[in-house]
Amino acid sequence: MGDMIEVTRLKGSKIIINAELIESIEETPDTVITLTNGKRYVVGEQASELVSRVIEYKRRIACSGIRGE
């Protein structure tokens, strides 16, 4: 999925968003992801889970750059 992470909308549908475009994640109490282009998504995951997914994405990018994959 490259630079994408999967998230779940409140009604259960899955969407894929570009992790590089995430500007902020807040719990209000629903979790709201705001992208750099101003789009907002309300999702079922907690902010801590989303942060973990972004960190994992960043690790994949860093490791692929080191190994030249």
N, C-alpha and C. Protein backbone atom coordinates (compact mmCIF):
# COMPACT_ATOMS: atom_id res chain seq x y z
N MET A 1 0.81 -1.21 0.00
CA MET A 1 0.00 0.00 0.00
C MET A 1 0.85 1.26 0.00
N GLY A 2 2.14 1.13 -0.11
CA GLY A 2 2.97 2.32 -0.22
C GLY A 2 2.88 3.23 0.98
N ASP A 3 2.44 4.45 0.77
CA ASP A 3 2.37 5.44 1.84
C ASP A 3 0.98 5.52 2.45
N MET A 4 0.21 4.45 2.35
CA MET A 4 -1.17 4.45 2.81
C MET A 4 -1.34 3.63 4.08
N ILE A 5 -2.36 4.03 4.87
CA ILE A 5 -2.77 3.23 6.02
C ILE A 5 -4.28 3.04 5.93
N GLU A 6 -4.75 1.90 6.44
CA GLU A 6 -6.17 1.60 6.41
C GLU A 6 -6.83 2.06 7.70
N VAL A 7 -7.99 2.70 7.58
CA VAL A 7 -8.78 3.13 8.74
C VAL A 7 -10.23 2.72 8.51
N THR A 8 -11.02 2.77 9.58
CA THR A 8 -12.40 2.34 9.53
C THR A 8 -13.32 3.51 9.84
N ARG A 9 -14.22 3.80 8.92
CA ARG A 9 -15.22 4.83 9.20
C ARG A 9 -16.18 4.33 10.28
N LEU A 10 -16.93 5.22 10.89
CA LEU A 10 -17.80 4.83 12.00
C LEU A 10 -18.86 3.80 11.61
N LYS A 11 -19.30 3.81 10.37
CA LYS A 11 -20.31 2.83 9.94
C LYS A 11 -19.70 1.51 9.49
N GLY A 12 -18.38 1.38 9.62
CA GLY A 12 -17.72 0.11 9.36
C GLY A 12 -16.99 -0.03 8.04
N SER A 13 -17.18 0.91 7.12
CA SER A 13 -16.48 0.78 5.84
C SER A 13 -15.01 1.14 6.02
N LYS A 14 -14.16 0.45 5.26
CA LYS A 14 -12.72 0.69 5.32
C LYS A 14 -12.33 1.69 4.24
N ILE A 15 -11.42 2.58 4.60
CA ILE A 15 -10.83 3.49 3.61
C ILE A 15 -9.33 3.50 3.81
N ILE A 16 -8.64 3.87 2.76
CA ILE A 16 -7.18 3.94 2.78
C ILE A 16 -6.82 5.42 2.65
N ILE A 17 -6.00 5.91 3.58
CA ILE A 17 -5.58 7.31 3.50
C ILE A 17 -4.06 7.40 3.40
N ASN A 18 -3.60 8.48 2.84
CA ASN A 18 -2.18 8.72 2.68
C ASN A 18 -1.60 9.21 4.00
N ALA A 19 -0.73 8.39 4.59
CA ALA A 19 -0.15 8.73 5.90
C ALA A 19 0.69 10.00 5.86
N GLU A 20 1.25 10.32 4.70
CA GLU A 20 2.08 11.51 4.57
C GLU A 20 1.24 12.79 4.63
N LEU A 21 -0.06 12.69 4.40
CA LEU A 21 -0.92 13.88 4.38
C LEU A 21 -1.61 14.16 5.72
N ILE A 22 -1.37 13.31 6.72
CA ILE A 22 -2.01 13.53 8.02
C ILE A 22 -1.40 14.75 8.70
N GLU A 23 -2.24 15.71 9.00
CA GLU A 23 -1.80 16.91 9.70
C GLU A 23 -2.04 16.78 11.20
N SER A 24 -3.23 16.22 11.55
CA SER A 24 -3.53 16.06 12.98
C SER A 24 -4.51 14.90 13.17
N ILE A 25 -4.46 14.35 14.39
CA ILE A 25 -5.40 13.32 14.83
C ILE A 25 -5.89 13.77 16.20
N GLU A 26 -7.21 13.85 16.34
CA GLU A 26 -7.75 14.27 17.63
C GLU A 26 -8.95 13.43 18.02
N GLU A 27 -9.16 13.28 19.32
CA GLU A 27 -10.32 12.57 19.84
C GLU A 27 -11.26 13.59 20.44
N THR A 28 -12.51 13.62 19.93
CA THR A 28 -13.43 14.72 20.30
C THR A 28 -14.83 14.30 20.74
N PRO A 29 -15.29 13.24 21.23
CA PRO A 29 -14.61 12.00 21.59
C PRO A 29 -14.35 11.08 20.41
N ASP A 30 -15.05 11.25 19.26
CA ASP A 30 -14.72 10.45 18.08
C ASP A 30 -13.34 10.87 17.58
N THR A 31 -12.67 9.95 16.92
CA THR A 31 -11.35 10.25 16.39
C THR A 31 -11.49 10.93 15.03
N VAL A 32 -10.88 12.10 14.89
CA VAL A 32 -10.95 12.87 13.66
C VAL A 32 -9.54 13.02 13.11
N ILE A 33 -9.38 12.59 11.85
CA ILE A 33 -8.11 12.76 11.15
C ILE A 33 -8.27 13.95 10.21
N THR A 34 -7.38 14.91 10.32
CA THR A 34 -7.38 16.06 9.41
C THR A 34 -6.14 15.96 8.52
N LEU A 35 -6.36 16.06 7.21
CA LEU A 35 -5.26 15.99 6.26
C LEU A 35 -4.78 17.40 5.91
N THR A 36 -3.62 17.47 5.32
CA THR A 36 -3.05 18.77 4.97
C THR A 36 -3.88 19.51 3.93
N ASN A 37 -4.72 18.80 3.18
CA ASN A 37 -5.58 19.44 2.19
C ASN A 37 -6.91 19.90 2.78
N GLY A 38 -7.07 19.75 4.11
CA GLY A 38 -8.28 20.20 4.79
C GLY A 38 -9.37 19.15 4.94
N LYS A 39 -9.25 18.01 4.25
CA LYS A 39 -10.25 16.96 4.38
C LYS A 39 -10.17 16.37 5.77
N ARG A 40 -11.36 16.00 6.29
CA ARG A 40 -11.45 15.43 7.63
C ARG A 40 -12.17 14.09 7.55
N TYR A 41 -11.71 13.15 8.34
CA TYR A 41 -12.32 11.83 8.40
C TYR A 41 -12.58 11.46 9.85
N VAL A 42 -13.80 11.03 10.14
CA VAL A 42 -14.14 10.53 11.47
C VAL A 42 -14.02 9.01 11.38
N VAL A 43 -13.20 8.44 12.26
CA VAL A 43 -12.89 7.01 12.17
C VAL A 43 -13.10 6.32 13.51
N GLY A 44 -13.16 4.99 13.46
CA GLY A 44 -13.42 4.20 14.66
C GLY A 44 -12.20 3.93 15.51
N GLU A 45 -11.01 4.00 14.92
CA GLU A 45 -9.79 3.72 15.67
C GLU A 45 -9.48 4.83 16.67
N GLN A 46 -8.81 4.46 17.74
CA GLN A 46 -8.35 5.47 18.70
C GLN A 46 -7.10 6.13 18.14
N ALA A 47 -6.84 7.34 18.60
CA ALA A 47 -5.68 8.10 18.14
C ALA A 47 -4.39 7.31 18.35
N SER A 48 -4.26 6.64 19.46
CA SER A 48 -3.03 5.89 19.75
C SER A 48 -2.80 4.78 18.72
N GLU A 49 -3.86 4.12 18.26
CA GLU A 49 -3.74 3.09 17.24
C GLU A 49 -3.29 3.69 15.91
N LEU A 50 -3.84 4.84 15.57
CA LEU A 50 -3.46 5.51 14.33
C LEU A 50 -2.00 5.95 14.37
N VAL A 51 -1.57 6.46 15.50
CA VAL A 51 -0.17 6.86 15.65
C VAL A 51 0.73 5.64 15.46
N SER A 52 0.34 4.50 16.01
CA SER A 52 1.12 3.27 15.84
C SER A 52 1.20 2.87 14.38
N ARG A 53 0.10 3.01 13.64
CA ARG A 53 0.10 2.66 12.21
C ARG A 53 1.01 3.59 11.41
N VAL A 54 0.99 4.87 11.76
CA VAL A 54 1.86 5.82 11.05
C VAL A 54 3.32 5.53 11.37
N ILE A 55 3.62 5.22 12.63
CA ILE A 55 5.00 4.88 13.01
C ILE A 55 5.45 3.63 12.26
N GLU A 56 4.60 2.62 12.16
CA GLU A 56 4.95 1.41 11.42
C GLU A 56 5.19 1.72 9.95
N TYR A 57 4.36 2.57 9.38
CA TYR A 57 4.56 3.00 8.00
C TYR A 57 5.93 3.67 7.84
N LYS A 58 6.25 4.58 8.76
CA LYS A 58 7.54 5.29 8.69
C LYS A 58 8.72 4.32 8.83
N ARG A 59 8.57 3.30 9.66
CA ARG A 59 9.62 2.28 9.81
C ARG A 59 9.82 1.52 8.51
N ARG A 60 8.72 1.16 7.85
CA ARG A 60 8.83 0.45 6.58
C ARG A 60 9.59 1.29 5.56
N ILE A 61 9.28 2.59 5.52
CA ILE A 61 9.95 3.50 4.59
C ILE A 61 11.44 3.58 4.92
N ALA A 62 11.76 3.75 6.19
CA ALA A 62 13.16 3.87 6.61
C ALA A 62 13.94 2.60 6.30
N CYS A 63 13.36 1.45 6.58
CA CYS A 63 14.05 0.18 6.33
C CYS A 63 14.23 -0.08 4.85
N SER A 64 13.25 0.27 4.04
CA SER A 64 13.39 0.03 2.61
C SER A 64 14.45 0.94 2.01
N GLY A 65 14.62 2.13 2.57
CA GLY A 65 15.66 3.05 2.09
C GLY A 65 17.06 2.58 2.44
N ILE A 66 17.19 1.98 3.61
CA ILE A 66 18.49 1.48 4.06
C ILE A 66 18.92 0.28 3.25
N ARG A 67 17.99 -0.62 2.97
CA ARG A 67 18.32 -1.85 2.25
C ARG A 67 18.25 -1.66 0.74
N GLY A 68 17.78 -0.51 0.29
CA GLY A 68 17.70 -0.27 -1.14
C GLY A 68 16.60 -1.01 -1.85
N GLU A 69 15.54 -1.39 -1.11
CA GLU A 69 14.42 -2.12 -1.71
C GLU A 69 13.50 -1.19 -2.44
